[in-house]
Structures are given as structure tokens and as C-alpha cells.
Amino acid sequence: MIVHISYKGLQKTPDVESTVQQHLKKLERRLQLFRPELVSLHGSVLQHSPRVGFVVALNLKMPTGDLAAEQANPLPAMAIKLAFDALIAQVTSHKDVLRNHHRFPGRRHGSERRPEGTIPFEKTLASVKPQDVTNDDVSSYINANLPRLRRFVERELRTRELEERIGRGAINVDEVIGEAIGNALSESHERPEKMRLEPWLYRLSTEAIDRLIRGDGNGENIPLDRPENERNEAGSDENVLQFHQPDDDLSSRSIAVNHQIASPEDLAAKDEMITLIERTLRDAGRHEREAFILYTIEGFTINEIADITQRPEEEVRSSVHSAREHLDKALPARDPLSERLIEHSRTA
């Protein structure tokens, strides 16, 4: 897909760029039906008046037609999210029309007409047949997104430890990820289409956690002499010395501040707020916490969360709304991140 997005009156920050790239990937997964060179997306992010906020306009050109979406919000990331969600909803409806039009092109006087001899879009030269996930797809995703998957598994294990469903440190993160990847590469598991690869791996990870909990004993005493974390026996400053030798002089360029990268203090504050949100959601219910985290922090859509949790979409949407209402009442502290997540949940 050919992509061109312009920014007017807005500095392109890492949060904005990350939001755009995240939703571009979601849109591309839904456009696998079309050949990439025949699809183009033109967009603009405009900082309007203080009352309107930021306006995001998207124009998608496909072999079967053009789609457009425009949304405004006081927060740039939220405006981008709303615009892409509106465009993705139009793409889904458009694909449904393409799939069904050749089957029943019309009805006459209450009687069903015979399907005309038209060729479905899926069989034309402009289409690409959706393929199932392969081992190479799994390997490529893991190589590119392993840190994100690890954070998700760590968060789920920490929650279950707080709920006292498992002992502290009883299950290792690598053990969960190893089992999930092994199941994904196994031929015994039914594989989804490529566009559903990410939700599928997250579901395999949660299923691996549940299996390990059932086989863990869920009550076994943990010996006090067991270290909380594995010791780093290979600790070294060799990686640092590859770039800065003891007798080197540091230039001003080497110590210049990069405002595009979050500081350690910002990252620590972000982790602390996410942990506070998770603890507050413990009283809201397991399904509510799970749906809220997947929707606001992990960035999945309601449909993808339904695939991960194996629950109906309406129940997932209701869980997100219930979790937001609980946070509005019970969250002991607020900051821009928590406000953004709560506001984001209102779009579910």
C-alpha cells in the first residue's frame, strides 16, 4: 500500500507516529484482498482551533472504489484513532458488499433471482487470496514484536500473582512464550488468516498461562532460598565500550538531548501509572480488566479482543465500558496517560 500522511501545525512526536503506524498495520491487514500496488492512502493531520482540536482526514483509493473518513478530537492520538476506526469500518462493509454482490445481485417480486454469471472480486486480477498463517509469518512477527509480547505476558502473570492464583515467580515469562510459540508452529493447531496473526498469538499466550496454572499446583509453597529473578551472570560493560572507550573524548553530539525518545523518568512514570490502573481494575472483574488493557494499552479492536478472549463482541464492548466507569470512580491518581486511556475507551 502506498502511504502519504502530512502534518500541518503539529509536531510529529513519537506518540503520534506510533499511533499512526499501529493503525496503518491494522488497515493493511484488512486490505490483503487487494494488490498492494493498487491501493493508496493519503491523509492529513491538521491542528485546528482550540475548540475543534485536531482534524484527521483519510482518503483510501482501491481498485473497487474510494473511501474517506474525517474525525476531530482535542487529542491528536485520539483523532487519529477515530479516523482510522471509521475508515476500517468502511473497508469491512465494502468487502462484505464485494463478497455478496455477485451471489444475489437483486430480488424480483419477493422471489429470489438466480445468481448472475458474474465473477466475484476474489477471482479477479486485482485481488489477492487471503492466506493462512505460516511458520515464517510466526517467526517474522516474533522477531519484530517479541518485547511487546513479553510485556503483555509479564502483565498477565503479575495480575494472576496479585489475585493469588499462582505463587510469586512460580511461572516464568520465557516458559509461557516458549509454549505459545511452540503451539503456533505446531501443525496440530488450526491457523487463522494472516490478518488475525497477532490476536491469535495473544490468545495462545493466555491459554498457555492458564495451562501452566492448572499444572502448577496453584498452592505450592515457594522455597525462600529461590531468587526472585534470575541472576545476570554475564553482566558486562563490553557493549558500552564498543562505542565509548575509556580514553575517548565525548563530543557534544554524543550527549545531545533527543526529544524524540522518552526519558527514563517518563518511562518509569508510565509503567507506574499502568500498574496503578491494573490494580484499580482488580475490583472491576477479570473480564473488564482484560478487555480494557487489550483495548487501550495493547491497541486491539473490539473484534480482535473477541478473538483473543473467545467472547462475543458486545460482551467485550460492555466490559470496556464497565472498566472505564470503575476507573472514573476508583482510580486514586490521574495523569495525562490515564486521562488519555480513559478517553480512548469511550470509542469502544
Protein backbone atom coordinates (compact mmCIF):
# COMPACT_ATOMS: atom_id res chain seq x y z
CA MET A 1 0.00 0.00 0.00
CA ILE A 2 1.27 3.46 -0.93
CA VAL A 3 1.00 5.78 2.09
CA HIS A 4 1.42 9.55 2.33
CA ILE A 5 0.44 11.40 5.51
CA SER A 6 1.14 15.09 6.07
CA TYR A 7 1.24 17.03 9.36
CA LYS A 8 0.12 20.67 9.42
CA GLY A 9 0.60 22.80 12.50
CA LEU A 10 1.58 19.75 14.55
CA GLN A 11 4.99 18.48 15.57
CA LYS A 12 5.31 14.77 14.76
CA THR A 13 6.05 13.28 18.19
CA PRO A 14 6.88 9.61 18.90
CA ASP A 15 3.38 9.05 20.34
CA VAL A 16 1.70 10.41 17.22
CA GLU A 17 3.98 8.47 14.87
CA SER A 18 3.49 5.26 16.89
CA THR A 19 -0.30 5.69 16.78
CA VAL A 20 -0.25 6.20 13.01
CA GLN A 21 1.97 3.17 12.37
CA GLN A 22 -0.11 0.99 14.68
CA HIS A 23 -3.33 1.78 12.85
CA LEU A 24 -1.68 1.55 9.44
CA LYS A 25 -0.81 -2.07 10.23
CA LYS A 26 -4.42 -2.77 11.18
CA LEU A 27 -5.65 -1.20 7.96
CA GLU A 28 -3.13 -3.15 5.85
CA ARG A 29 -4.27 -6.44 7.38
CA ARG A 30 -7.79 -5.69 6.14
CA LEU A 31 -6.59 -4.81 2.65
CA GLN A 32 -4.84 -8.09 1.89
CA LEU A 33 -7.65 -8.79 -0.56
CA PHE A 34 -6.17 -6.17 -2.92
CA ARG A 35 -2.80 -5.99 -4.60
CA PRO A 36 -0.60 -3.54 -2.63
CA GLU A 37 0.46 -1.52 -5.68
CA LEU A 38 -3.20 -0.78 -6.48
CA VAL A 39 -4.03 0.69 -3.05
CA SER A 40 -3.02 4.16 -1.81
CA LEU A 41 -3.78 6.09 1.36
CA HIS A 42 -3.48 9.88 1.61
CA GLY A 43 -4.02 11.51 4.97
CA SER A 44 -3.51 14.77 6.81
CA VAL A 45 -3.30 15.69 10.49
CA LEU A 46 -4.29 19.33 10.97
CA GLN A 47 -4.21 21.35 14.18
CA HIS A 48 -7.42 23.37 14.02
CA SER A 49 -8.86 25.84 16.50
CA PRO A 50 -8.69 25.12 20.26
CA ARG A 51 -12.40 24.33 20.26
CA VAL A 52 -12.21 21.79 17.44
CA GLY A 53 -8.78 20.42 18.30
CA PHE A 54 -7.05 18.21 15.75
CA VAL A 55 -8.68 17.14 12.48
CA VAL A 56 -7.56 13.94 10.75
CA ALA A 57 -8.69 13.29 7.16
CA LEU A 58 -8.02 9.99 5.36
CA ASN A 59 -8.64 9.13 1.71
CA LEU A 60 -8.25 5.50 0.65
CA LYS A 61 -8.16 4.59 -3.06
CA MET A 62 -8.80 0.95 -4.05
CA PRO A 63 -9.45 -0.80 -7.37
CA THR A 64 -13.13 -1.14 -6.43
CA GLY A 65 -13.73 2.40 -5.17
CA ASP A 66 -12.61 5.24 -2.91
CA LEU A 67 -13.33 5.63 0.81
CA ALA A 68 -12.84 8.67 3.02
CA ALA A 69 -13.05 9.42 6.74
CA GLU A 70 -12.60 12.59 8.80
CA GLN A 71 -12.62 12.91 12.58
CA ALA A 72 -11.77 15.63 15.11
CA ASN A 73 -10.69 15.44 18.74
CA PRO A 74 -8.79 17.64 21.23
CA LEU A 75 -6.10 14.92 21.42
CA PRO A 76 -4.12 14.14 18.23
CA ALA A 77 -3.72 10.43 19.02
CA MET A 78 -7.45 10.11 19.67
CA ALA A 79 -8.32 11.92 16.42
CA ILE A 80 -6.04 9.53 14.51
CA LYS A 81 -7.62 6.54 16.24
CA LEU A 82 -11.17 7.67 15.46
CA ALA A 83 -10.38 8.41 11.81
CA PHE A 84 -8.73 5.03 11.22
CA ASP A 85 -11.53 3.20 13.05
CA ALA A 86 -14.10 4.90 10.82
CA LEU A 87 -12.11 4.04 7.70
CA ILE A 88 -11.60 0.40 8.78
CA ALA A 89 -15.35 0.07 9.41
CA GLN A 90 -15.99 1.31 5.86
CA VAL A 91 -13.43 -1.13 4.45
CA THR A 92 -15.12 -4.03 6.26
CA SER A 93 -18.54 -3.05 4.88
CA HIS A 94 -17.07 -2.56 1.41
CA LYS A 95 -15.53 -6.04 1.43
CA ASP A 96 -18.82 -7.57 2.55
CA VAL A 97 -20.55 -5.92 -0.41
CA LEU A 98 -17.90 -7.26 -2.78
CA ARG A 99 -18.28 -10.78 -1.43
CA ASN A 100 -22.07 -10.85 -1.56
CA HIS A 101 -22.95 -8.79 -4.61
CA HIS A 102 -22.16 -11.49 -7.16
CA ARG A 103 -24.28 -14.05 -5.31
CA PHE A 104 -27.59 -12.20 -5.06
CA PRO A 105 -27.48 -9.16 -7.36
CA GLY A 106 -31.18 -8.41 -6.81
CA ARG A 107 -34.64 -9.72 -5.95
CA ARG A 108 -37.78 -9.53 -8.02
CA HIS A 109 -41.34 -9.59 -6.61
CA GLY A 110 -40.35 -11.49 -3.50
CA SER A 111 -38.82 -14.34 -5.46
CA GLU A 112 -35.12 -14.89 -5.39
CA ARG A 113 -33.39 -14.31 -8.72
CA ARG A 114 -30.81 -16.76 -9.89
CA PRO A 115 -27.27 -15.66 -9.38
CA GLU A 116 -25.97 -13.98 -12.48
CA GLY A 117 -22.88 -15.24 -14.17
CA THR A 118 -20.65 -12.54 -12.74
CA ILE A 119 -17.16 -13.15 -11.46
CA PRO A 120 -16.62 -12.50 -7.73
CA PHE A 121 -13.98 -9.91 -6.93
CA GLU A 122 -11.86 -12.53 -5.14
CA LYS A 123 -11.21 -14.19 -8.51
CA THR A 124 -10.19 -11.06 -10.40
CA LEU A 125 -6.63 -9.99 -11.13
CA ALA A 126 -6.89 -7.07 -8.69
CA SER A 127 -7.45 -9.34 -5.71
CA VAL A 128 -5.12 -11.39 -3.55
CA LYS A 129 -6.46 -14.54 -1.95
CA PRO A 130 -6.10 -14.43 1.86
CA GLN A 131 -3.58 -16.99 3.04
CA ASP A 132 -3.34 -18.79 6.35
CA VAL A 133 -0.53 -18.12 8.81
CA THR A 134 2.74 -19.90 8.04
CA ASN A 135 5.76 -20.69 10.21
CA ASP A 136 7.65 -17.86 8.52
CA ASP A 137 4.87 -15.43 9.45
CA VAL A 138 5.09 -16.52 13.09
CA SER A 139 8.88 -16.19 13.11
CA SER A 140 8.79 -12.76 11.47
CA TYR A 141 6.21 -11.46 13.94
CA ILE A 142 8.13 -12.79 16.96
CA ASN A 143 11.40 -11.28 15.73
CA ALA A 144 9.77 -7.86 15.34
CA ASN A 145 7.37 -7.83 18.31
CA LEU A 146 8.86 -10.09 21.00
CA PRO A 147 9.39 -7.24 23.53
CA ARG A 148 5.73 -6.23 23.23
CA LEU A 149 4.53 -9.81 23.65
CA ARG A 150 6.82 -10.23 26.68
CA ARG A 151 5.35 -7.12 28.33
CA PHE A 152 1.86 -8.49 27.79
CA VAL A 153 2.76 -11.87 29.33
CA GLU A 154 4.55 -10.19 32.25
CA ARG A 155 1.46 -8.06 32.89
CA GLU A 156 -0.84 -11.10 32.82
CA LEU A 157 1.39 -13.10 35.16
CA ARG A 158 1.69 -10.17 37.58
CA THR A 159 -2.09 -9.83 37.66
CA ARG A 160 -2.57 -13.50 38.43
CA GLU A 161 0.04 -13.25 41.19
CA LEU A 162 -1.83 -10.32 42.72
CA GLU A 163 -5.03 -12.37 42.52
CA GLU A 164 -3.13 -15.16 44.33
CA ARG A 165 -3.94 -17.62 41.59
CA ILE A 166 -0.23 -18.51 41.39
CA GLY A 167 2.74 -18.03 43.65
CA ARG A 168 5.17 -15.22 43.01
CA GLY A 169 7.70 -16.31 40.40
CA ALA A 170 6.06 -19.74 40.00
CA ILE A 171 5.73 -19.33 36.23
CA ASN A 172 8.45 -17.87 34.05
CA VAL A 173 7.73 -15.48 31.19
CA ASP A 174 10.01 -17.38 28.80
CA GLU A 175 8.18 -20.58 29.65
CA VAL A 176 4.85 -19.06 28.63
CA ILE A 177 6.20 -17.53 25.42
CA GLY A 178 8.01 -20.74 24.52
CA GLU A 179 4.84 -22.78 24.85
CA ALA A 180 2.79 -20.22 22.90
CA ILE A 181 5.31 -20.13 20.04
CA GLY A 182 5.56 -23.91 20.06
CA ASN A 183 1.79 -24.21 19.73
CA ALA A 184 1.78 -21.61 16.96
CA LEU A 185 4.40 -23.57 14.99
CA SER A 186 2.69 -26.89 15.62
CA GLU A 187 0.60 -28.36 12.81
CA SER A 188 -1.94 -29.63 15.34
CA HIS A 189 -3.43 -26.14 15.86
CA GLU A 190 -5.82 -24.65 13.33
CA ARG A 191 -4.28 -21.50 11.87
CA PRO A 192 -6.18 -18.30 11.06
CA GLU A 193 -5.71 -15.91 8.18
CA LYS A 194 -2.60 -13.74 8.24
CA MET A 195 -4.57 -10.67 9.25
CA ARG A 196 -5.50 -12.43 12.52
CA LEU A 197 -1.96 -13.50 13.39
CA GLU A 198 -1.42 -11.05 16.26
CA PRO A 199 -4.70 -11.74 18.15
CA TRP A 200 -4.09 -15.46 17.64
CA LEU A 201 -0.63 -15.32 19.28
CA TYR A 202 -2.01 -13.33 22.20
CA ARG A 203 -4.76 -15.91 22.67
CA LEU A 204 -2.21 -18.74 22.57
CA SER A 205 -0.22 -16.89 25.24
CA THR A 206 -3.19 -16.55 27.60
CA GLU A 207 -4.11 -20.20 27.01
CA ALA A 208 -0.51 -21.20 27.81
CA ILE A 209 -0.70 -19.26 31.09
CA ASP A 210 -3.94 -21.00 32.04
CA ARG A 211 -2.50 -24.44 31.22
CA LEU A 212 0.62 -23.78 33.26
CA ILE A 213 -1.52 -22.59 36.18
CA ARG A 214 -3.56 -25.78 36.11
CA GLY A 215 -0.38 -27.84 36.09
CA ASP A 216 1.43 -25.70 38.66
CA GLY A 217 -0.48 -26.94 41.69
CA ASN A 218 -1.82 -23.41 42.48
CA GLY A 219 -0.83 -23.53 46.09
CA GLU A 220 2.63 -24.99 46.19
CA ASN A 221 4.91 -23.41 48.77
CA ILE A 222 7.78 -21.46 47.25
CA PRO A 223 11.16 -22.05 48.94
CA LEU A 224 12.62 -18.92 50.49
CA ASP A 225 16.05 -19.59 49.04
CA ARG A 226 14.76 -19.25 45.48
CA PRO A 227 15.87 -15.92 43.94
CA GLU A 228 13.07 -13.64 42.82
CA ASN A 229 14.72 -13.07 39.44
CA GLU A 230 17.44 -14.91 37.55
CA ARG A 231 20.91 -13.61 38.22
CA ASN A 232 22.75 -11.97 35.36
CA GLU A 233 25.98 -13.94 35.37
CA ALA A 234 27.04 -12.49 32.01
CA GLY A 235 26.87 -8.83 33.03
CA SER A 236 29.47 -6.75 31.22
CA ASP A 237 30.13 -3.23 30.01
CA GLU A 238 31.51 -4.56 26.72
CA ASN A 239 28.55 -3.19 24.76
CA VAL A 240 29.24 0.28 26.12
CA LEU A 241 32.95 0.07 25.42
CA GLN A 242 32.23 -0.76 21.77
CA PHE A 243 31.07 2.82 21.33
CA HIS A 244 32.90 4.80 24.05
CA GLN A 245 36.43 3.79 25.03
CA PRO A 246 37.82 4.99 28.37
CA ASP A 247 40.31 7.34 26.67
CA ASP A 248 37.79 8.78 24.18
CA ASP A 249 36.59 12.37 24.32
CA LEU A 250 32.83 12.78 24.20
CA SER A 251 31.60 15.25 21.60
CA SER A 252 28.59 17.50 22.11
CA ARG A 253 26.75 15.41 19.52
CA SER A 254 27.16 12.30 21.67
CA ILE A 255 25.43 13.88 24.65
CA ALA A 256 22.83 15.98 22.80
CA VAL A 257 19.29 15.57 24.06
CA ASN A 258 16.96 13.63 21.76
CA HIS A 259 13.44 14.82 22.47
CA GLN A 260 12.03 12.08 20.25
CA ILE A 261 12.99 9.46 22.86
CA ALA A 262 11.23 9.21 26.21
CA SER A 263 13.42 9.77 29.26
CA PRO A 264 13.89 7.05 31.91
CA GLU A 265 11.77 9.13 34.28
CA ASP A 266 8.93 9.28 31.73
CA LEU A 267 9.10 5.53 31.13
CA ALA A 268 9.08 4.83 34.87
CA ALA A 269 6.09 7.12 35.40
CA LYS A 270 4.25 5.42 32.53
CA ASP A 271 4.89 1.94 33.98
CA GLU A 272 3.82 3.11 37.42
CA MET A 273 0.54 4.53 36.11
CA ILE A 274 -0.23 1.37 34.11
CA THR A 275 0.41 -0.72 37.22
CA LEU A 276 -1.91 1.56 39.22
CA ILE A 277 -4.62 1.16 36.57
CA GLU A 278 -4.26 -2.62 36.66
CA ARG A 279 -4.54 -2.72 40.45
CA THR A 280 -7.59 -0.47 40.39
CA LEU A 281 -9.26 -2.72 37.82
CA ARG A 282 -8.83 -5.80 40.01
CA ASP A 283 -12.10 -4.91 41.75
CA ALA A 284 -13.87 -4.38 38.42
CA GLY A 285 -13.61 -8.03 37.38
CA ARG A 286 -11.27 -10.18 35.33
CA HIS A 287 -13.10 -9.75 32.02
CA GLU A 288 -13.32 -5.98 32.50
CA ARG A 289 -9.61 -5.63 33.27
CA GLU A 290 -8.62 -7.87 30.38
CA ALA A 291 -10.80 -6.08 27.83
CA PHE A 292 -9.70 -2.60 28.97
CA ILE A 293 -5.98 -3.44 28.87
CA LEU A 294 -6.21 -5.08 25.45
CA TYR A 295 -8.22 -2.19 24.02
CA THR A 296 -6.45 0.85 25.46
CA ILE A 297 -2.87 -0.29 26.10
CA GLU A 298 -2.33 -3.08 23.56
CA GLY A 299 -4.38 -1.29 20.90
CA PHE A 300 -6.57 -4.16 19.71
CA THR A 301 -10.01 -3.60 18.21
CA ILE A 302 -13.19 -5.00 19.75
CA ASN A 303 -13.29 -7.69 17.07
CA GLU A 304 -9.68 -8.71 17.76
CA ILE A 305 -10.29 -8.82 21.52
CA ALA A 306 -13.27 -11.08 20.88
CA ASP A 307 -10.88 -13.42 19.02
CA ILE A 308 -8.35 -13.34 21.85
CA THR A 309 -10.82 -13.87 24.71
CA GLN A 310 -13.29 -16.04 22.78
CA ARG A 311 -16.18 -13.85 23.91
CA PRO A 312 -18.93 -12.09 21.91
CA GLU A 313 -18.11 -8.58 20.71
CA GLU A 314 -20.98 -6.99 22.64
CA GLU A 315 -19.74 -8.51 25.89
CA VAL A 316 -16.23 -7.21 25.20
CA ARG A 317 -17.55 -3.72 24.47
CA SER A 318 -19.64 -3.80 27.64
CA SER A 319 -16.60 -4.90 29.65
CA VAL A 320 -14.54 -1.95 28.35
CA HIS A 321 -17.30 0.49 29.30
CA SER A 322 -17.69 -1.07 32.76
CA ALA A 323 -13.94 -0.86 33.37
CA ARG A 324 -13.91 2.81 32.35
CA GLU A 325 -16.74 3.63 34.74
CA HIS A 326 -14.90 1.83 37.53
CA LEU A 327 -11.70 3.80 36.84
CA ASP A 328 -13.63 7.08 36.82
CA LYS A 329 -14.77 6.36 40.36
CA ALA A 330 -11.90 4.42 41.93
CA LEU A 331 -8.61 5.49 40.27
CA PRO A 332 -6.73 7.26 43.11
CA ALA A 333 -4.50 9.40 40.86
CA ARG A 334 -4.73 10.91 37.40
CA ASP A 335 -2.14 11.98 34.86
CA PRO A 336 -2.19 12.68 31.08
CA LEU A 337 -1.65 8.99 30.32
CA SER A 338 -4.59 7.77 32.42
CA GLU A 339 -6.80 10.54 31.05
CA ARG A 340 -5.86 9.54 27.50
CA LEU A 341 -6.57 5.85 28.14
CA ILE A 342 -9.94 6.59 29.76
CA GLU A 343 -10.89 8.90 26.92
CA HIS A 344 -9.75 6.31 24.39
CA SER A 345 -12.01 3.68 25.96
CA ARG A 346 -15.05 5.83 25.19
CA THR A 347 -14.63 5.00 21.49
CA ALA A 348 -15.27 1.28 22.05
